[in-house]
PDB file of all heavy atoms in Angstrom:
ATOM      1  N   GLY A   1       9.022  -2.570   3.883  1.00  0.00           N
ATOM      2  CA  GLY A   1       8.748  -2.535   2.463  1.00  0.00           C
ATOM      3  C   GLY A   1       9.788  -3.318   1.684  1.00  0.00           C
ATOM      4  O   GLY A   1      10.925  -3.482   2.125  1.00  0.00           O
ATOM      5  N   GLY A   2       9.390  -3.832   0.513  1.00  0.00           N
ATOM      6  CA  GLY A   2      10.330  -4.559  -0.318  1.00  0.00           C
ATOM      7  C   GLY A   2       9.710  -5.786  -0.953  1.00  0.00           C
ATOM      8  O   GLY A   2       8.482  -5.881  -1.108  1.00  0.00           O
ATOM      9  N   ASN A   3      10.564  -6.744  -1.334  1.00  0.00           N
ATOM     10  CA  ASN A   3      10.124  -7.957  -1.996  1.00  0.00           C
ATOM     11  C   ASN A   3      10.676  -9.167  -1.269  1.00  0.00           C
ATOM     12  O   ASN A   3      11.834  -9.169  -0.835  1.00  0.00           O
ATOM     13  CB  ASN A   3      10.596  -7.970  -3.454  1.00  0.00           C
ATOM     14  CG  ASN A   3       9.967  -6.862  -4.272  1.00  0.00           C
ATOM     15  OD1 ASN A   3       8.854  -6.983  -4.749  1.00  0.00           O
ATOM     16  ND2 ASN A   3      10.710  -5.755  -4.426  1.00  0.00           N
ATOM     17  N   ALA A   4       9.843 -10.195  -1.157  1.00  0.00           N
ATOM     18  CA  ALA A   4      10.239 -11.410  -0.458  1.00  0.00           C
ATOM     19  C   ALA A   4       9.791 -12.622  -1.267  1.00  0.00           C
ATOM     20  O   ALA A   4       8.664 -12.665  -1.768  1.00  0.00           O
ATOM     21  CB  ALA A   4       9.632 -11.448   0.941  1.00  0.00           C
ATOM     22  N   GLU A   5      10.688 -13.590  -1.378  1.00  0.00           N
ATOM     23  CA  GLU A   5      10.407 -14.806  -2.142  1.00  0.00           C
ATOM     24  C   GLU A   5      10.279 -15.985  -1.192  1.00  0.00           C
ATOM     25  O   GLU A   5      11.179 -16.239  -0.380  1.00  0.00           O
ATOM     26  CB  GLU A   5      11.515 -15.057  -3.154  1.00  0.00           C
ATOM     27  CG  GLU A   5      11.299 -16.286  -4.011  1.00  0.00           C
ATOM     28  CD  GLU A   5      12.434 -16.521  -4.991  1.00  0.00           C
ATOM     29  OE1 GLU A   5      13.186 -15.567  -5.265  1.00  0.00           O
ATOM     30  OE2 GLU A   5      12.559 -17.663  -5.474  1.00  0.00           O
ATOM     31  N   PHE A   6       9.170 -16.723  -1.323  1.00  0.00           N
ATOM     32  CA  PHE A   6       8.925 -17.866  -0.458  1.00  0.00           C
ATOM     33  C   PHE A   6       8.609 -19.109  -1.303  1.00  0.00           C
ATOM     34  O   PHE A   6       8.578 -19.047  -2.532  1.00  0.00           O
ATOM     35  CB  PHE A   6       7.767 -17.566   0.503  1.00  0.00           C
ATOM     36  CG  PHE A   6       8.005 -16.364   1.361  1.00  0.00           C
ATOM     37  CD1 PHE A   6       7.422 -15.146   1.043  1.00  0.00           C
ATOM     38  CD2 PHE A   6       8.845 -16.435   2.461  1.00  0.00           C
ATOM     39  CE1 PHE A   6       7.651 -14.023   1.821  1.00  0.00           C
ATOM     40  CE2 PHE A   6       9.085 -15.319   3.245  1.00  0.00           C
ATOM     41  CZ  PHE A   6       8.497 -14.114   2.926  1.00  0.00           C
ATOM     42  N   LYS A   7       8.348 -20.207  -0.620  1.00  0.00           N
ATOM     43  CA  LYS A   7       8.087 -21.470  -1.302  1.00  0.00           C
ATOM     44  C   LYS A   7       6.880 -21.368  -2.228  1.00  0.00           C
ATOM     45  O   LYS A   7       6.905 -21.831  -3.373  1.00  0.00           O
ATOM     46  CB  LYS A   7       7.863 -22.570  -0.262  1.00  0.00           C
ATOM     47  CG  LYS A   7       7.527 -23.936  -0.837  1.00  0.00           C
ATOM     48  CD  LYS A   7       7.301 -24.938   0.281  1.00  0.00           C
ATOM     49  CE  LYS A   7       6.888 -26.308  -0.254  1.00  0.00           C
ATOM     50  NZ  LYS A   7       6.643 -27.281   0.846  1.00  0.00           N
ATOM     51  N   TYR A   8       5.799 -20.746  -1.747  1.00  0.00           N
ATOM     52  CA  TYR A   8       4.553 -20.716  -2.500  1.00  0.00           C
ATOM     53  C   TYR A   8       4.300 -19.431  -3.268  1.00  0.00           C
ATOM     54  O   TYR A   8       3.474 -19.411  -4.176  1.00  0.00           O
ATOM     55  CB  TYR A   8       3.371 -20.958  -1.554  1.00  0.00           C
ATOM     56  CG  TYR A   8       3.333 -22.339  -0.957  1.00  0.00           C
ATOM     57  CD1 TYR A   8       3.333 -22.523   0.421  1.00  0.00           C
ATOM     58  CD2 TYR A   8       3.296 -23.472  -1.759  1.00  0.00           C
ATOM     59  CE1 TYR A   8       3.295 -23.790   0.982  1.00  0.00           C
ATOM     60  CE2 TYR A   8       3.270 -24.743  -1.217  1.00  0.00           C
ATOM     61  CZ  TYR A   8       3.265 -24.900   0.153  1.00  0.00           C
ATOM     62  OH  TYR A   8       3.229 -26.157   0.690  1.00  0.00           O
ATOM     63  N   ALA A   9       4.981 -18.357  -2.873  1.00  0.00           N
ATOM     64  CA  ALA A   9       4.635 -17.069  -3.488  1.00  0.00           C
ATOM     65  C   ALA A   9       5.765 -16.064  -3.339  1.00  0.00           C
ATOM     66  O   ALA A   9       6.633 -16.189  -2.463  1.00  0.00           O
ATOM     67  CB  ALA A   9       3.368 -16.511  -2.841  1.00  0.00           C
ATOM     68  N   ASP A  10       5.733 -15.090  -4.220  1.00  0.00           N
ATOM     69  CA  ASP A  10       6.536 -13.877  -4.067  1.00  0.00           C
ATOM     70  C   ASP A  10       5.600 -12.798  -3.544  1.00  0.00           C
ATOM     71  O   ASP A  10       4.457 -12.678  -3.999  1.00  0.00           O
ATOM     72  CB  ASP A  10       7.140 -13.439  -5.396  1.00  0.00           C
ATOM     73  CG  ASP A  10       8.131 -14.454  -5.942  1.00  0.00           C
ATOM     74  OD1 ASP A  10       8.697 -15.221  -5.135  1.00  0.00           O
ATOM     75  OD2 ASP A  10       8.323 -14.493  -7.172  1.00  0.00           O
ATOM     76  N   ILE A  11       6.097 -12.016  -2.588  1.00  0.00           N
ATOM     77  CA  ILE A  11       5.254 -10.979  -1.982  1.00  0.00           C
ATOM     78  C   ILE A  11       5.968  -9.633  -2.073  1.00  0.00           C
ATOM     79  O   ILE A  11       7.146  -9.515  -1.709  1.00  0.00           O
ATOM     80  CB  ILE A  11       4.938 -11.309  -0.509  1.00  0.00           C
ATOM     81  CG1 ILE A  11       4.150 -12.617  -0.421  1.00  0.00           C
ATOM     82  CG2 ILE A  11       4.162 -10.172   0.146  1.00  0.00           C
ATOM     83  CD1 ILE A  11       3.809 -13.044   0.988  1.00  0.00           C
ATOM     84  N   GLU A  12       5.255  -8.652  -2.564  1.00  0.00           N
ATOM     85  CA  GLU A  12       5.759  -7.272  -2.577  1.00  0.00           C
ATOM     86  C   GLU A  12       5.044  -6.502  -1.472  1.00  0.00           C
ATOM     87  O   GLU A  12       3.834  -6.621  -1.305  1.00  0.00           O
ATOM     88  CB  GLU A  12       5.488  -6.610  -3.920  1.00  0.00           C
ATOM     89  CG  GLU A  12       5.961  -5.163  -3.974  1.00  0.00           C
ATOM     90  CD  GLU A  12       5.521  -4.438  -5.244  1.00  0.00           C
ATOM     91  OE1 GLU A  12       4.687  -4.998  -5.986  1.00  0.00           O
ATOM     92  OE2 GLU A  12       5.992  -3.318  -5.466  1.00  0.00           O
ATOM     93  N   VAL A  13       5.821  -5.735  -0.715  1.00  0.00           N
ATOM     94  CA  VAL A  13       5.251  -4.941   0.366  1.00  0.00           C
ATOM     95  C   VAL A  13       5.578  -3.472   0.128  1.00  0.00           C
ATOM     96  O   VAL A  13       6.738  -3.111  -0.066  1.00  0.00           O
ATOM     97  CB  VAL A  13       5.795  -5.368   1.746  1.00  0.00           C
ATOM     98  CG1 VAL A  13       5.124  -4.559   2.855  1.00  0.00           C
ATOM     99  CG2 VAL A  13       5.578  -6.857   1.979  1.00  0.00           C
ATOM    100  N   LYS A  14       4.548  -2.663   0.123  1.00  0.00           N
ATOM    101  CA  LYS A  14       4.736  -1.211   0.124  1.00  0.00           C
ATOM    102  C   LYS A  14       4.331  -0.707   1.496  1.00  0.00           C
ATOM    103  O   LYS A  14       3.192  -0.916   1.928  1.00  0.00           O
ATOM    104  CB  LYS A  14       3.905  -0.561  -0.974  1.00  0.00           C
ATOM    105  CG  LYS A  14       4.399  -0.899  -2.373  1.00  0.00           C
ATOM    106  CD  LYS A  14       3.639  -0.138  -3.447  1.00  0.00           C
ATOM    107  CE  LYS A  14       4.203  -0.446  -4.826  1.00  0.00           C
ATOM    108  NZ  LYS A  14       3.467   0.276  -5.895  1.00  0.00           N
ATOM    109  N   SER A  15       5.258  -0.050   2.177  1.00  0.00           N
ATOM    110  CA  SER A  15       5.025   0.304   3.581  1.00  0.00           C
ATOM    111  C   SER A  15       5.389   1.754   3.853  1.00  0.00           C
ATOM    112  O   SER A  15       6.473   2.219   3.472  1.00  0.00           O
ATOM    113  CB  SER A  15       5.870  -0.615   4.482  1.00  0.00           C
ATOM    114  OG  SER A  15       5.779  -0.232   5.828  1.00  0.00           O
ATOM    115  N   LEU A  16       4.468   2.460   4.513  1.00  0.00           N
ATOM    116  CA  LEU A  16       4.769   3.802   5.010  1.00  0.00           C
ATOM    117  C   LEU A  16       5.196   3.765   6.481  1.00  0.00           C
ATOM    118  O   LEU A  16       5.470   4.800   7.073  1.00  0.00           O
ATOM    119  CB  LEU A  16       3.538   4.709   4.858  1.00  0.00           C
ATOM    120  CG  LEU A  16       3.052   4.940   3.422  1.00  0.00           C
ATOM    121  CD1 LEU A  16       1.821   5.837   3.420  1.00  0.00           C
ATOM    122  CD2 LEU A  16       4.160   5.528   2.562  1.00  0.00           C
ATOM    123  N   TYR A  17       5.205   2.565   7.033  1.00  0.00           N
ATOM    124  CA  TYR A  17       5.639   2.356   8.412  1.00  0.00           C
ATOM    125  C   TYR A  17       7.143   2.625   8.498  1.00  0.00           C
ATOM    126  O   TYR A  17       7.864   2.358   7.548  1.00  0.00           O
ATOM    127  CB  TYR A  17       5.348   0.893   8.781  1.00  0.00           C
ATOM    128  CG  TYR A  17       5.236   0.594  10.249  1.00  0.00           C
ATOM    129  CD1 TYR A  17       4.093   0.905  10.957  1.00  0.00           C
ATOM    130  CD2 TYR A  17       6.273  -0.028  10.920  1.00  0.00           C
ATOM    131  CE1 TYR A  17       3.970   0.605  12.306  1.00  0.00           C
ATOM    132  CE2 TYR A  17       6.161  -0.332  12.262  1.00  0.00           C
ATOM    133  CZ  TYR A  17       5.015  -0.023  12.959  1.00  0.00           C
ATOM    134  OH  TYR A  17       4.896  -0.312  14.286  1.00  0.00           O
ATOM    135  N   PRO A  18       7.652   3.156   9.595  1.00  0.00           N
ATOM    136  CA  PRO A  18       7.040   3.345  10.902  1.00  0.00           C
ATOM    137  C   PRO A  18       6.387   4.708  11.132  1.00  0.00           C
ATOM    138  O   PRO A  18       5.887   4.956  12.222  1.00  0.00           O
ATOM    139  CB  PRO A  18       8.246   3.192  11.830  1.00  0.00           C
ATOM    140  CG  PRO A  18       9.384   3.761  11.038  1.00  0.00           C
ATOM    141  CD  PRO A  18       9.116   3.371   9.618  1.00  0.00           C
ATOM    142  N   TRP A  19       6.399   5.571  10.108  1.00  0.00           N
ATOM    143  CA  TRP A  19       5.844   6.909  10.339  1.00  0.00           C
ATOM    144  C   TRP A  19       4.332   6.929  10.161  1.00  0.00           C
ATOM    145  O   TRP A  19       3.646   7.713  10.803  1.00  0.00           O
ATOM    146  CB  TRP A  19       6.503   7.923   9.399  1.00  0.00           C
ATOM    147  CG  TRP A  19       7.992   7.980   9.541  1.00  0.00           C
ATOM    148  CD1 TRP A  19       8.927   7.712   8.585  1.00  0.00           C
ATOM    149  CD2 TRP A  19       8.740   8.322  10.711  1.00  0.00           C
ATOM    150  NE1 TRP A  19      10.199   7.866   9.080  1.00  0.00           N
ATOM    151  CE2 TRP A  19      10.125   8.240  10.385  1.00  0.00           C
ATOM    152  CE3 TRP A  19       8.394   8.688  12.020  1.00  0.00           C
ATOM    153  CZ2 TRP A  19      11.131   8.514  11.297  1.00  0.00           C
ATOM    154  CZ3 TRP A  19       9.399   8.958  12.937  1.00  0.00           C
ATOM    155  CH2 TRP A  19      10.740   8.871  12.577  1.00  0.00           C
ATOM    156  N   GLU A  20       3.805   6.073   9.274  1.00  0.00           N
ATOM    157  CA  GLU A  20       2.362   6.032   9.034  1.00  0.00           C
ATOM    158  C   GLU A  20       1.891   4.578   9.032  1.00  0.00           C
ATOM    159  O   GLU A  20       2.643   3.671   8.667  1.00  0.00           O
ATOM    160  CB  GLU A  20       2.004   6.695   7.698  1.00  0.00           C
ATOM    161  CG  GLU A  20       2.396   8.170   7.608  1.00  0.00           C
ATOM    162  CD  GLU A  20       1.721   9.044   8.646  1.00  0.00           C
ATOM    163  OE1 GLU A  20       0.613   8.680   9.099  1.00  0.00           O
ATOM    164  OE2 GLU A  20       2.292  10.096   9.002  1.00  0.00           O
ATOM    165  N   GLY A  21       0.628   4.377   9.390  1.00  0.00           N
ATOM    166  CA  GLY A  21       0.088   3.028   9.485  1.00  0.00           C
ATOM    167  C   GLY A  21      -0.587   2.581   8.204  1.00  0.00           C
ATOM    168  O   GLY A  21      -1.821   2.448   8.168  1.00  0.00           O
ATOM    169  N   ASN A  22       0.202   2.365   7.166  1.00  0.00           N
ATOM    170  CA  ASN A  22      -0.351   1.889   5.900  1.00  0.00           C
ATOM    171  C   ASN A  22       0.624   0.906   5.271  1.00  0.00           C
ATOM    172  O   ASN A  22       1.768   1.261   4.969  1.00  0.00           O
ATOM    173  CB  ASN A  22      -0.618   3.052   4.951  1.00  0.00           C
ATOM    174  CG  ASN A  22      -1.216   2.585   3.638  1.00  0.00           C
ATOM    175  OD1 ASN A  22      -0.519   2.482   2.638  1.00  0.00           O
ATOM    176  ND2 ASN A  22      -2.505   2.288   3.629  1.00  0.00           N
ATOM    177  N   ILE A  23       0.159  -0.339   5.080  1.00  0.00           N
ATOM    178  CA  ILE A  23       1.003  -1.391   4.528  1.00  0.00           C
ATOM    179  C   ILE A  23       0.188  -2.172   3.519  1.00  0.00           C
ATOM    180  O   ILE A  23      -0.940  -2.589   3.802  1.00  0.00           O
ATOM    181  CB  ILE A  23       1.520  -2.353   5.638  1.00  0.00           C
ATOM    182  CG1 ILE A  23       2.202  -1.560   6.760  1.00  0.00           C
ATOM    183  CG2 ILE A  23       2.480  -3.378   5.053  1.00  0.00           C
ATOM    184  CD1 ILE A  23       1.316  -1.241   7.932  1.00  0.00           C
ATOM    185  N   ILE A  24       0.749  -2.381   2.330  1.00  0.00           N
ATOM    186  CA  ILE A  24       0.061  -3.115   1.268  1.00  0.00           C
ATOM    187  C   ILE A  24       0.911  -4.316   0.854  1.00  0.00           C
ATOM    188  O   ILE A  24       2.080  -4.163   0.478  1.00  0.00           O
ATOM    189  CB  ILE A  24      -0.220  -2.229   0.039  1.00  0.00           C
ATOM    190  CG1 ILE A  24      -1.079  -1.021   0.437  1.00  0.00           C
ATOM    191  CG2 ILE A  24      -0.894  -3.034  -1.061  1.00  0.00           C
ATOM    192  CD1 ILE A  24      -1.263  -0.013  -0.684  1.00  0.00           C
ATOM    193  N   TYR A  25       0.315  -5.500   0.924  1.00  0.00           N
ATOM    194  CA  TYR A  25       0.967  -6.730   0.491  1.00  0.00           C
ATOM    195  C   TYR A  25       0.369  -7.136  -0.857  1.00  0.00           C
ATOM    196  O   TYR A  25      -0.856  -7.268  -0.991  1.00  0.00           O
ATOM    197  CB  TYR A  25       0.712  -7.865   1.481  1.00  0.00           C
ATOM    198  CG  TYR A  25       1.275  -7.650   2.867  1.00  0.00           C
ATOM    199  CD1 TYR A  25       0.610  -6.852   3.791  1.00  0.00           C
ATOM    200  CD2 TYR A  25       2.461  -8.264   3.259  1.00  0.00           C
ATOM    201  CE1 TYR A  25       1.107  -6.662   5.066  1.00  0.00           C
ATOM    202  CE2 TYR A  25       2.974  -8.088   4.541  1.00  0.00           C
ATOM    203  CZ  TYR A  25       2.290  -7.282   5.438  1.00  0.00           C
ATOM    204  OH  TYR A  25       2.789  -7.098   6.706  1.00  0.00           O
ATOM    205  N   THR A  26       1.231  -7.342  -1.853  1.00  0.00           N
ATOM    206  CA  THR A  26       0.782  -7.875  -3.139  1.00  0.00           C
ATOM    207  C   THR A  26       1.331  -9.284  -3.282  1.00  0.00           C
ATOM    208  O   THR A  26       2.543  -9.494  -3.244  1.00  0.00           O
ATOM    209  CB  THR A  26       1.259  -6.997  -4.306  1.00  0.00           C
ATOM    210  OG1 THR A  26       0.762  -5.665  -4.123  1.00  0.00           O
ATOM    211  CG2 THR A  26       0.763  -7.544  -5.639  1.00  0.00           C
ATOM    212  N   ILE A  27       0.418 -10.250  -3.440  1.00  0.00           N
ATOM    213  CA  ILE A  27       0.797 -11.656  -3.424  1.00  0.00           C
ATOM    214  C   ILE A  27       0.778 -12.207  -4.848  1.00  0.00           C
ATOM    215  O   ILE A  27      -0.213 -12.042  -5.579  1.00  0.00           O
ATOM    216  CB  ILE A  27      -0.159 -12.481  -2.523  1.00  0.00           C
ATOM    217  CG1 ILE A  27       0.019 -12.075  -1.058  1.00  0.00           C
ATOM    218  CG2 ILE A  27       0.121 -13.973  -2.656  1.00  0.00           C
ATOM    219  CD1 ILE A  27      -0.812 -10.942  -0.596  1.00  0.00           C
ATOM    220  N   ASN A  28       1.879 -12.850  -5.226  1.00  0.00           N
ATOM    221  CA  ASN A  28       1.976 -13.482  -6.537  1.00  0.00           C
ATOM    222  C   ASN A  28       2.340 -14.951  -6.358  1.00  0.00           C
ATOM    223  O   ASN A  28       3.522 -15.291  -6.174  1.00  0.00           O
ATOM    224  CB  ASN A  28       3.024 -12.771  -7.395  1.00  0.00           C
ATOM    225  CG  ASN A  28       2.591 -11.360  -7.766  1.00  0.00           C
ATOM    226  OD1 ASN A  28       1.546 -11.166  -8.374  1.00  0.00           O
ATOM    227  ND2 ASN A  28       3.386 -10.370  -7.381  1.00  0.00           N
ATOM    228  N   PRO A  29       1.332 -15.854  -6.369  1.00  0.00           N
ATOM    229  CA  PRO A  29       1.612 -17.281  -6.171  1.00  0.00           C
ATOM    230  C   PRO A  29       2.503 -17.823  -7.286  1.00  0.00           C
ATOM    231  O   PRO A  29       2.488 -17.336  -8.421  1.00  0.00           O
ATOM    232  CB  PRO A  29       0.217 -17.926  -6.232  1.00  0.00           C
ATOM    233  CG  PRO A  29      -0.750 -16.820  -6.072  1.00  0.00           C
ATOM    234  CD  PRO A  29      -0.094 -15.585  -6.578  1.00  0.00           C
ATOM    235  N   LYS A  30       3.275 -18.854  -6.946  1.00  0.00           N
ATOM    236  CA  LYS A  30       4.183 -19.434  -7.925  1.00  0.00           C
ATOM    237  C   LYS A  30       3.511 -20.484  -8.798  1.00  0.00           C
ATOM    238  O   LYS A  30       4.094 -20.943  -9.779  1.00  0.00           O
ATOM    239  CB  LYS A  30       5.393 -20.039  -7.201  1.00  0.00           C
ATOM    240  CG  LYS A  30       6.289 -18.974  -6.579  1.00  0.00           C
ATOM    241  CD  LYS A  30       7.552 -19.565  -5.997  1.00  0.00           C
ATOM    242  CE  LYS A  30       8.493 -18.465  -5.525  1.00  0.00           C
ATOM    243  NZ  LYS A  30       9.738 -19.006  -4.935  1.00  0.00           N
ATOM    244  N   GLN A  31       2.296 -20.901  -8.412  1.00  0.00           N
ATOM    245  CA  GLN A  31       1.520 -21.819  -9.242  1.00  0.00           C
ATOM    246  C   GLN A  31       0.035 -21.572  -8.999  1.00  0.00           C
ATOM    247  O   GLN A  31      -0.357 -20.965  -8.006  1.00  0.00           O
ATOM    248  CB  GLN A  31       1.891 -23.272  -8.951  1.00  0.00           C
ATOM    249  CG  GLN A  31       1.852 -23.651  -7.482  1.00  0.00           C
ATOM    250  CD  GLN A  31       2.364 -25.055  -7.240  1.00  0.00           C
ATOM    251  OE1 GLN A  31       1.714 -26.020  -7.612  1.00  0.00           O
ATOM    252  NE2 GLN A  31       3.539 -25.167  -6.637  1.00  0.00           N
ATOM    253  N   ASP A  32      -0.782 -22.057  -9.915  1.00  0.00           N
ATOM    254  CA  ASP A  32      -2.222 -21.845  -9.826  1.00  0.00           C
ATOM    255  C   ASP A  32      -2.851 -22.767  -8.790  1.00  0.00           C
ATOM    256  O   ASP A  32      -2.337 -23.842  -8.483  1.00  0.00           O
ATOM    257  CB  ASP A  32      -2.870 -22.090 -11.187  1.00  0.00           C
ATOM    258  CG  ASP A  32      -2.425 -21.066 -12.228  1.00  0.00           C
ATOM    259  OD1 ASP A  32      -2.043 -19.955 -11.818  1.00  0.00           O
ATOM    260  OD2 ASP A  32      -2.449 -21.397 -13.430  1.00  0.00           O
ATOM    261  N   ASN A  33      -3.989 -22.318  -8.273  1.00  0.00           N
ATOM    262  CA  ASN A  33      -4.830 -23.142  -7.385  1.00  0.00           C
ATOM    263  C   ASN A  33      -4.060 -23.674  -6.166  1.00  0.00           C
ATOM    264  O   ASN A  33      -4.201 -24.847  -5.803  1.00  0.00           O
ATOM    265  CB  ASN A  33      -5.447 -24.312  -8.165  1.00  0.00           C
ATOM    266  CG  ASN A  33      -6.346 -23.835  -9.285  1.00  0.00           C
ATOM    267  OD1 ASN A  33      -7.153 -22.922  -9.096  1.00  0.00           O
ATOM    268  ND2 ASN A  33      -6.194 -24.443 -10.450  1.00  0.00           N
ATOM    269  N   ILE A  34      -3.280 -22.820  -5.578  1.00  0.00           N
ATOM    270  CA  ILE A  34      -2.543 -23.229  -4.381  1.00  0.00           C
ATOM    271  C   ILE A  34      -3.075 -22.460  -3.177  1.00  0.00           C
ATOM    272  O   ILE A  34      -3.267 -21.241  -3.239  1.00  0.00           O
ATOM    273  CB  ILE A  34      -1.029 -23.022  -4.557  1.00  0.00           C
ATOM    274  CG1 ILE A  34      -0.283 -23.624  -3.375  1.00  0.00           C
ATOM    275  CG2 ILE A  34      -0.673 -21.556  -4.724  1.00  0.00           C
ATOM    276  CD1 ILE A  34       1.204 -23.749  -3.607  1.00  0.00           C
ATOM    277  N   CYS A  35      -3.315 -23.183  -2.113  1.00  0.00           N
ATOM    278  CA  CYS A  35      -3.849 -22.578  -0.892  1.00  0.00           C
ATOM    279  C   CYS A  35      -2.756 -22.517   0.161  1.00  0.00           C
ATOM    280  O   CYS A  35      -2.093 -23.512   0.436  1.00  0.00           O
ATOM    281  CB  CYS A  35      -5.026 -23.400  -0.379  1.00  0.00           C
ATOM    282  SG  CYS A  35      -5.779 -22.702   1.119  1.00  0.00           S
ATOM    283  N   PHE A  36      -2.551 -21.353   0.699  1.00  0.00           N
ATOM    284  CA  PHE A  36      -1.642 -21.192   1.829  1.00  0.00           C
ATOM    285  C   PHE A  36      -2.126 -20.023   2.669  1.00  0.00           C
ATOM    286  O   PHE A  36      -3.075 -19.322   2.302  1.00  0.00           O
ATOM    287  CB  PHE A  36      -0.192 -20.996   1.377  1.00  0.00           C
ATOM    288  CG  PHE A  36       0.049 -19.755   0.558  1.00  0.00           C
ATOM    289  CD1 PHE A  36       0.383 -18.551   1.165  1.00  0.00           C
ATOM    290  CD2 PHE A  36      -0.058 -19.787  -0.825  1.00  0.00           C
ATOM    291  CE1 PHE A  36       0.611 -17.405   0.418  1.00  0.00           C
ATOM    292  CE2 PHE A  36       0.163 -18.646  -1.587  1.00  0.00           C
ATOM    293  CZ  PHE A  36       0.499 -17.458  -0.966  1.00  0.00           C
ATOM    294  N   THR A  37      -1.475 -19.815   3.793  1.00  0.00           N
ATOM    295  CA  THR A  37      -1.901 -18.784   4.743  1.00  0.00           C
ATOM    296  C   THR A  37      -0.861 -17.680   4.825  1.00  0.00           C
ATOM    297  O   THR A  37       0.339 -17.956   4.891  1.00  0.00           O
ATOM    298  CB  THR A  37      -2.105 -19.398   6.143  1.00  0.00           C
ATOM    299  OG1 THR A  37      -3.101 -20.414   6.058  1.00  0.00           O
ATOM    300  CG2 THR A  37      -2.543 -18.338   7.147  1.00  0.00           C
ATOM    301  N   LEU A  38      -1.332 -16.457   4.813  1.00  0.00           N
ATOM    302  CA  LEU A  38      -0.490 -15.295   5.103  1.00  0.00           C
ATOM    303  C   LEU A  38      -0.866 -14.805   6.489  1.00  0.00           C
ATOM    304  O   LEU A  38      -2.020 -14.463   6.754  1.00  0.00           O
ATOM    305  CB  LEU A  38      -0.715 -14.188   4.077  1.00  0.00           C
ATOM    306  CG  LEU A  38       0.026 -12.866   4.324  1.00  0.00           C
ATOM    307  CD1 LEU A  38       1.539 -13.068   4.287  1.00  0.00           C
ATOM    308  CD2 LEU A  38      -0.401 -11.813   3.292  1.00  0.00           C
ATOM    309  N   ALA A  39       0.099 -14.828   7.403  1.00  0.00           N
ATOM    310  CA  ALA A  39      -0.139 -14.403   8.793  1.00  0.00           C
ATOM    311  C   ALA A  39       0.584 -13.084   9.026  1.00  0.00           C
ATOM    312  O   ALA A  39       1.806 -13.015   8.908  1.00  0.00           O
ATOM    313  CB  ALA A  39       0.359 -15.463   9.769  1.00  0.00           C
ATOM    314  N   ILE A  40      -0.162 -12.053   9.345  1.00  0.00           N
ATOM    315  CA  ILE A  40       0.392 -10.706   9.492  1.00  0.00           C
ATOM    316  C   ILE A  40       0.246 -10.265  10.946  1.00  0.00           C
ATOM    317  O   ILE A  40      -0.858 -10.282  11.501  1.00  0.00           O
ATOM    318  CB  ILE A  40      -0.334  -9.712   8.572  1.00  0.00           C
ATOM    319  CG1 ILE A  40      -0.211 -10.152   7.108  1.00  0.00           C
ATOM    320  CG2 ILE A  40       0.236  -8.306   8.752  1.00  0.00           C
ATOM    321  CD1 ILE A  40      -1.075  -9.340   6.158  1.00  0.00           C
ATOM    322  N   ARG A  41       1.334  -9.862  11.523  1.00  0.00           N
ATOM    323  CA  ARG A  41       1.293  -9.381  12.909  1.00  0.00           C
ATOM    324  C   ARG A  41       0.586  -8.032  12.980  1.00  0.00           C
ATOM    325  O   ARG A  41       0.829  -7.131  12.165  1.00  0.00           O
ATOM    326  CB  ARG A  41       2.714  -9.228  13.454  1.00  0.00           C
ATOM    327  CG  ARG A  41       2.799  -8.398  14.723  1.00  0.00           C
ATOM    328  CD  ARG A  41       4.243  -8.188  15.136  1.00  0.00           C
ATOM    329  NE  ARG A  41       4.361  -7.002  15.962  1.00  0.00           N
ATOM    330  CZ  ARG A  41       4.794  -5.836  15.530  1.00  0.00           C
ATOM    331  NH1 ARG A  41       5.159  -5.676  14.283  1.00  0.00           N
ATOM    332  NH2 ARG A  41       4.873  -4.800  16.356  1.00  0.00           N
ATOM    333  N   ILE A  42      -0.279  -7.896  13.985  1.00  0.00           N
ATOM    334  CA  ILE A  42      -0.915  -6.613  14.302  1.00  0.00           C
ATOM    335  C   ILE A  42      -0.346  -6.160  15.645  1.00  0.00           C
ATOM    336  O   ILE A  42      -0.532  -6.835  16.658  1.00  0.00           O
ATOM    337  CB  ILE A  42      -2.444  -6.744  14.403  1.00  0.00           C
ATOM    338  CG1 ILE A  42      -3.022  -7.386  13.135  1.00  0.00           C
ATOM    339  CG2 ILE A  42      -3.070  -5.379  14.671  1.00  0.00           C
ATOM    340  CD1 ILE A  42      -2.822  -6.584  11.875  1.00  0.00           C
TER     341      ILE A  42
END
């Protein structure tokens, strides 16, 4: 859980892991109409 800043976006993560399997990513792009990929490990 926490906040991460990247080239294309800032991402907030709310995580109940490792005790529960619930993770929410909130994506805030740094500019409009930008396409990129979010790859999440399962």
